[in-house]
Protein backbone atom coordinates (compact mmCIF):
# COMPACT_ATOMS: atom_id res chain seq x y z
CA UNK A 1 -76.55 -81.38 -73.73
CA UNK A 2 -78.77 -78.57 -74.95
CA UNK A 3 -78.69 -76.53 -71.72
CA UNK A 4 -75.06 -75.56 -72.29
CA UNK A 5 -76.09 -73.55 -75.37
CA UNK A 6 -77.32 -70.72 -73.15
CA UNK A 7 -73.98 -70.13 -71.39
CA UNK A 8 -72.93 -66.51 -70.87
CA UNK A 9 -69.12 -66.12 -70.76
CA UNK A 10 -69.49 -63.07 -68.52
CA UNK A 11 -71.12 -65.09 -65.75
CA UNK A 12 -69.54 -68.53 -66.25
CA UNK A 13 -66.51 -69.96 -64.46
CA UNK A 14 -64.51 -73.12 -65.14
CA UNK A 15 -63.77 -74.82 -61.82
CA UNK A 16 -61.04 -77.44 -61.81
CA UNK A 17 -60.46 -79.48 -58.67
CA UNK A 18 -58.31 -82.39 -57.63
CA UNK A 19 -55.74 -82.75 -60.43
CA UNK A 20 -52.41 -83.18 -58.58
CA UNK A 21 -49.57 -85.07 -60.24
CA UNK A 22 -49.96 -88.02 -57.86
CA UNK A 23 -53.35 -88.73 -59.46
CA UNK A 24 -52.91 -87.54 -63.02
CA UNK A 25 -49.33 -88.45 -64.01
CA UNK A 26 -47.66 -91.76 -64.83
CA UNK A 27 -45.72 -92.94 -61.81
CA UNK A 28 -47.95 -91.12 -59.34
CA UNK A 29 -48.78 -93.22 -56.29
CA UNK A 30 -52.52 -92.72 -56.86
CA UNK A 31 -52.47 -92.69 -60.67
CA UNK A 32 -53.28 -96.37 -61.17
CA UNK A 33 -56.53 -95.91 -59.28
CA UNK A 34 -57.96 -93.52 -61.90
CA UNK A 35 -55.87 -94.32 -64.99
CA UNK A 36 -58.47 -96.59 -66.61
CA UNK A 37 -61.21 -93.96 -66.55
CA UNK A 38 -58.82 -91.13 -67.47
CA UNK A 39 -57.84 -93.08 -70.57
CA UNK A 40 -61.45 -93.86 -71.44
CA UNK A 41 -62.56 -90.24 -71.22
CA UNK A 42 -59.29 -88.69 -72.50
CA UNK A 43 -59.56 -86.56 -69.38
CA UNK A 44 -56.28 -84.63 -69.60
CA UNK A 45 -56.86 -83.71 -73.24
CA UNK A 46 -60.48 -82.72 -72.71
CA UNK A 47 -59.80 -80.77 -69.53
CA UNK A 48 -57.70 -78.29 -71.50
CA UNK A 49 -60.60 -77.86 -73.94
CA UNK A 50 -62.98 -75.55 -72.04
CA UNK A 51 -60.17 -73.55 -70.45
CA UNK A 52 -58.94 -71.37 -73.36
CA UNK A 53 -62.51 -70.26 -74.04
CA UNK A 54 -62.52 -68.41 -70.73
CA UNK A 55 -58.97 -67.08 -70.90
CA UNK A 56 -58.53 -63.70 -72.46
CA UNK A 57 -62.07 -62.62 -71.57
CA UNK A 58 -62.16 -59.55 -69.34
CA UNK A 59 -65.37 -60.68 -67.65
CA UNK A 60 -64.94 -64.39 -66.92
CA UNK A 61 -61.70 -66.04 -65.90
CA UNK A 62 -61.67 -69.77 -65.20
CA UNK A 63 -61.31 -70.48 -61.50
CA UNK A 64 -58.97 -73.31 -60.56
CA UNK A 65 -59.91 -75.09 -57.35
CA UNK A 66 -57.02 -77.25 -56.34
CA UNK A 67 -57.25 -80.33 -54.16
CA UNK A 68 -54.33 -79.55 -51.90
CA UNK A 69 -54.98 -80.90 -48.44
CA UNK A 70 -53.69 -79.11 -45.36
CA UNK A 71 -54.60 -81.88 -42.96
CA UNK A 72 -55.74 -85.50 -43.13
CA UNK A 73 -56.96 -87.97 -40.55
CA UNK A 74 -57.70 -91.67 -40.46
CA UNK A 75 -61.34 -92.78 -40.36
CA UNK A 76 -63.04 -96.20 -40.50
CA UNK A 77 -63.71 -95.53 -44.19
CA UNK A 78 -60.23 -94.16 -44.92
CA UNK A 79 -57.72 -96.14 -42.83
CA UNK A 80 -54.17 -95.09 -42.00
CA UNK A 81 -52.67 -96.62 -45.14
CA UNK A 82 -54.92 -94.42 -47.28
CA UNK A 83 -54.04 -91.45 -45.12
CA UNK A 84 -50.31 -91.94 -45.72
CA UNK A 85 -50.89 -92.09 -49.47
CA UNK A 86 -53.02 -88.94 -49.42
CA UNK A 87 -50.26 -87.10 -47.56
CA UNK A 88 -48.48 -86.89 -50.91
CA UNK A 89 -51.26 -84.61 -52.18
CA UNK A 90 -50.87 -82.18 -49.31
CA UNK A 91 -49.45 -78.69 -49.60
CA UNK A 92 -45.67 -78.71 -49.80
CA UNK A 93 -45.36 -82.10 -51.47
CA UNK A 94 -44.18 -82.43 -55.09
CA UNK A 95 -47.13 -84.70 -55.87
CA UNK A 96 -49.55 -81.91 -54.94
CA UNK A 97 -48.48 -79.78 -57.88
CA UNK A 98 -51.08 -79.37 -60.63
CA UNK A 99 -50.22 -81.31 -63.76
CA UNK A 100 -48.64 -78.93 -66.27
CA UNK A 101 -51.17 -79.11 -69.11
CA UNK A 102 -53.97 -77.72 -66.92
CA UNK A 103 -51.89 -75.51 -64.63
CA UNK A 104 -53.23 -72.01 -63.94
CA UNK A 105 -52.30 -69.32 -66.45
CA UNK A 106 -52.01 -65.57 -65.99
CA UNK A 107 -55.35 -64.15 -64.92
CA UNK A 108 -56.73 -67.43 -63.58
CA UNK A 109 -58.07 -67.37 -60.05
CA UNK A 110 -56.32 -69.87 -57.80
CA UNK A 111 -58.16 -71.03 -54.69
CA UNK A 112 -56.44 -72.82 -51.82
CA UNK A 113 -57.28 -74.03 -48.33
CA UNK A 114 -59.21 -77.22 -49.08
CA UNK A 115 -59.36 -79.48 -46.01
CA UNK A 116 -61.88 -82.14 -47.01
CA UNK A 117 -63.99 -83.38 -49.88
CA UNK A 118 -66.01 -80.21 -50.40
CA UNK A 119 -63.88 -77.41 -51.81
CA UNK A 120 -66.52 -74.81 -50.96
CA UNK A 121 -66.57 -75.67 -47.25
CA UNK A 122 -63.12 -74.44 -46.20
CA UNK A 123 -62.20 -71.88 -48.87
CA UNK A 124 -63.41 -68.48 -50.07
CA UNK A 125 -64.56 -69.97 -53.39
CA UNK A 126 -68.14 -68.77 -52.93
CA UNK A 127 -67.04 -65.23 -52.06
CA UNK A 128 -64.77 -65.05 -55.10
CA UNK A 129 -67.44 -66.35 -57.47
CA UNK A 130 -70.01 -63.86 -56.18
CA UNK A 131 -67.54 -60.97 -56.35
CA UNK A 132 -66.96 -61.80 -60.03
CA UNK A 133 -70.67 -62.06 -60.80
CA UNK A 134 -70.49 -65.77 -61.54
CA UNK A 135 -73.83 -67.53 -61.90
CA UNK A 136 -72.82 -70.74 -63.71
CA UNK A 137 -69.98 -73.09 -62.79
CA UNK A 138 -68.62 -75.75 -65.12
CA UNK A 139 -66.98 -78.40 -62.95
CA UNK A 140 -64.12 -80.75 -63.80
CA UNK A 141 -61.66 -82.82 -61.80
CA UNK A 142 -61.23 -85.81 -59.52
CA UNK A 143 -62.93 -87.87 -58.39
CA UNK A 144 -66.45 -88.16 -59.76
CA UNK A 145 -68.07 -89.60 -56.65
CA UNK A 146 -65.71 -87.96 -54.18
CA UNK A 147 -64.47 -84.35 -54.21
CA UNK A 148 -66.16 -83.44 -57.50
CA UNK A 149 -69.60 -84.58 -56.41
CA UNK A 150 -69.30 -83.02 -52.96
CA UNK A 151 -68.24 -79.67 -54.44
CA UNK A 152 -71.00 -79.86 -57.04
CA UNK A 153 -73.72 -80.38 -54.43
CA UNK A 154 -72.41 -77.56 -52.24
CA UNK A 155 -72.16 -75.08 -55.11
CA UNK A 156 -75.68 -76.02 -56.17
CA UNK A 157 -76.91 -75.36 -52.62
CA UNK A 158 -75.24 -71.94 -52.82
CA UNK A 159 -77.42 -71.14 -55.80
CA UNK A 160 -75.09 -71.70 -58.74
CA UNK A 161 -76.17 -73.29 -61.98
CA UNK A 162 -73.88 -76.31 -62.26
CA UNK A 163 -72.61 -78.02 -65.40
CA UNK A 164 -70.49 -81.10 -64.76
CA UNK A 165 -68.04 -82.00 -67.53
CA UNK A 166 -68.40 -85.74 -67.97
CA UNK A 167 -65.23 -86.19 -70.06
CA UNK A 168 -63.09 -84.04 -67.76
CA UNK A 169 -63.46 -86.25 -64.72
CA UNK A 170 -62.62 -89.74 -63.53
CA UNK A 171 -63.23 -92.23 -60.73
CA UNK A 172 -61.51 -95.34 -59.43
CA UNK A 173 -63.53 -97.55 -61.78
CA UNK A 174 -65.55 -97.22 -64.97
CA UNK A 175 -68.63 -98.40 -63.07
CA UNK A 176 -68.29 -95.60 -60.49
CA UNK A 177 -67.72 -93.01 -63.22
CA UNK A 178 -70.75 -94.16 -65.23
CA UNK A 179 -72.91 -94.31 -62.11
CA UNK A 180 -72.00 -90.73 -61.13
CA UNK A 181 -72.88 -89.44 -64.60
CA UNK A 182 -76.12 -91.40 -64.83
CA UNK A 183 -77.50 -91.01 -61.33
CA UNK A 184 -75.58 -88.49 -59.20
CA UNK A 185 -74.69 -85.55 -61.41
CA UNK A 186 -78.15 -85.05 -62.98
CA UNK A 187 -79.71 -84.43 -59.56
CA UNK A 188 -77.73 -81.22 -58.95
CA UNK A 189 -76.19 -80.31 -62.31
CA UNK A 190 -76.42 -80.51 -66.08
CA UNK A 191 -73.88 -83.15 -67.23
CA UNK A 192 -72.23 -82.30 -70.53
CA UNK A 193 -69.11 -82.74 -72.65
CA UNK A 194 -66.23 -80.26 -72.78
CA UNK A 195 -66.74 -79.64 -76.49
CA UNK A 196 -70.34 -78.54 -75.88
CA UNK A 197 -69.25 -76.06 -73.21
CA UNK A 198 -66.46 -74.68 -75.35
CA UNK A 199 -68.84 -74.15 -78.26
CA UNK A 200 -71.33 -72.36 -76.01
CA UNK A 201 -68.90 -69.81 -74.56
């Protein structure tokens, strides 16, 4: 989209959330839930695309926000079976490791402490972004209508210009993914493709 053409590398961060191996790798307990959309969008390939544009720049380093839960609890919406499966994405579990092709590199900012859907709510992500002079956040990760959307709305409320990368995200169905891009993301962000963001930086 045209709005990405005005990106300033000095004030732009790449925020990556929710890409543990259990979701993003073959054999992961939660991989089948998002595999269809990941294949459709070529998510893993595209998610590496905007990252190198920020690396090596003294002013803007991509920030990696990792979905590593420190506690979970059962709710009527997320019963105990779902809770047990999500335990694999908690800190200390092998499945919580970030998949290797988008793992943080030297100079990347790594943010931990996420307890729920909204990464901004229980971490110092906002403080770090402000201390680096970040004004625009390009958002990628899982899932479209879950952690990604919740983080997007919160960052928007904190005053950041949000760009959601539509081919660097996935949901548990194509319908949910398409719905998020068409109806949810445009209300609080500028949806765009990774290639457009890379070209603009």
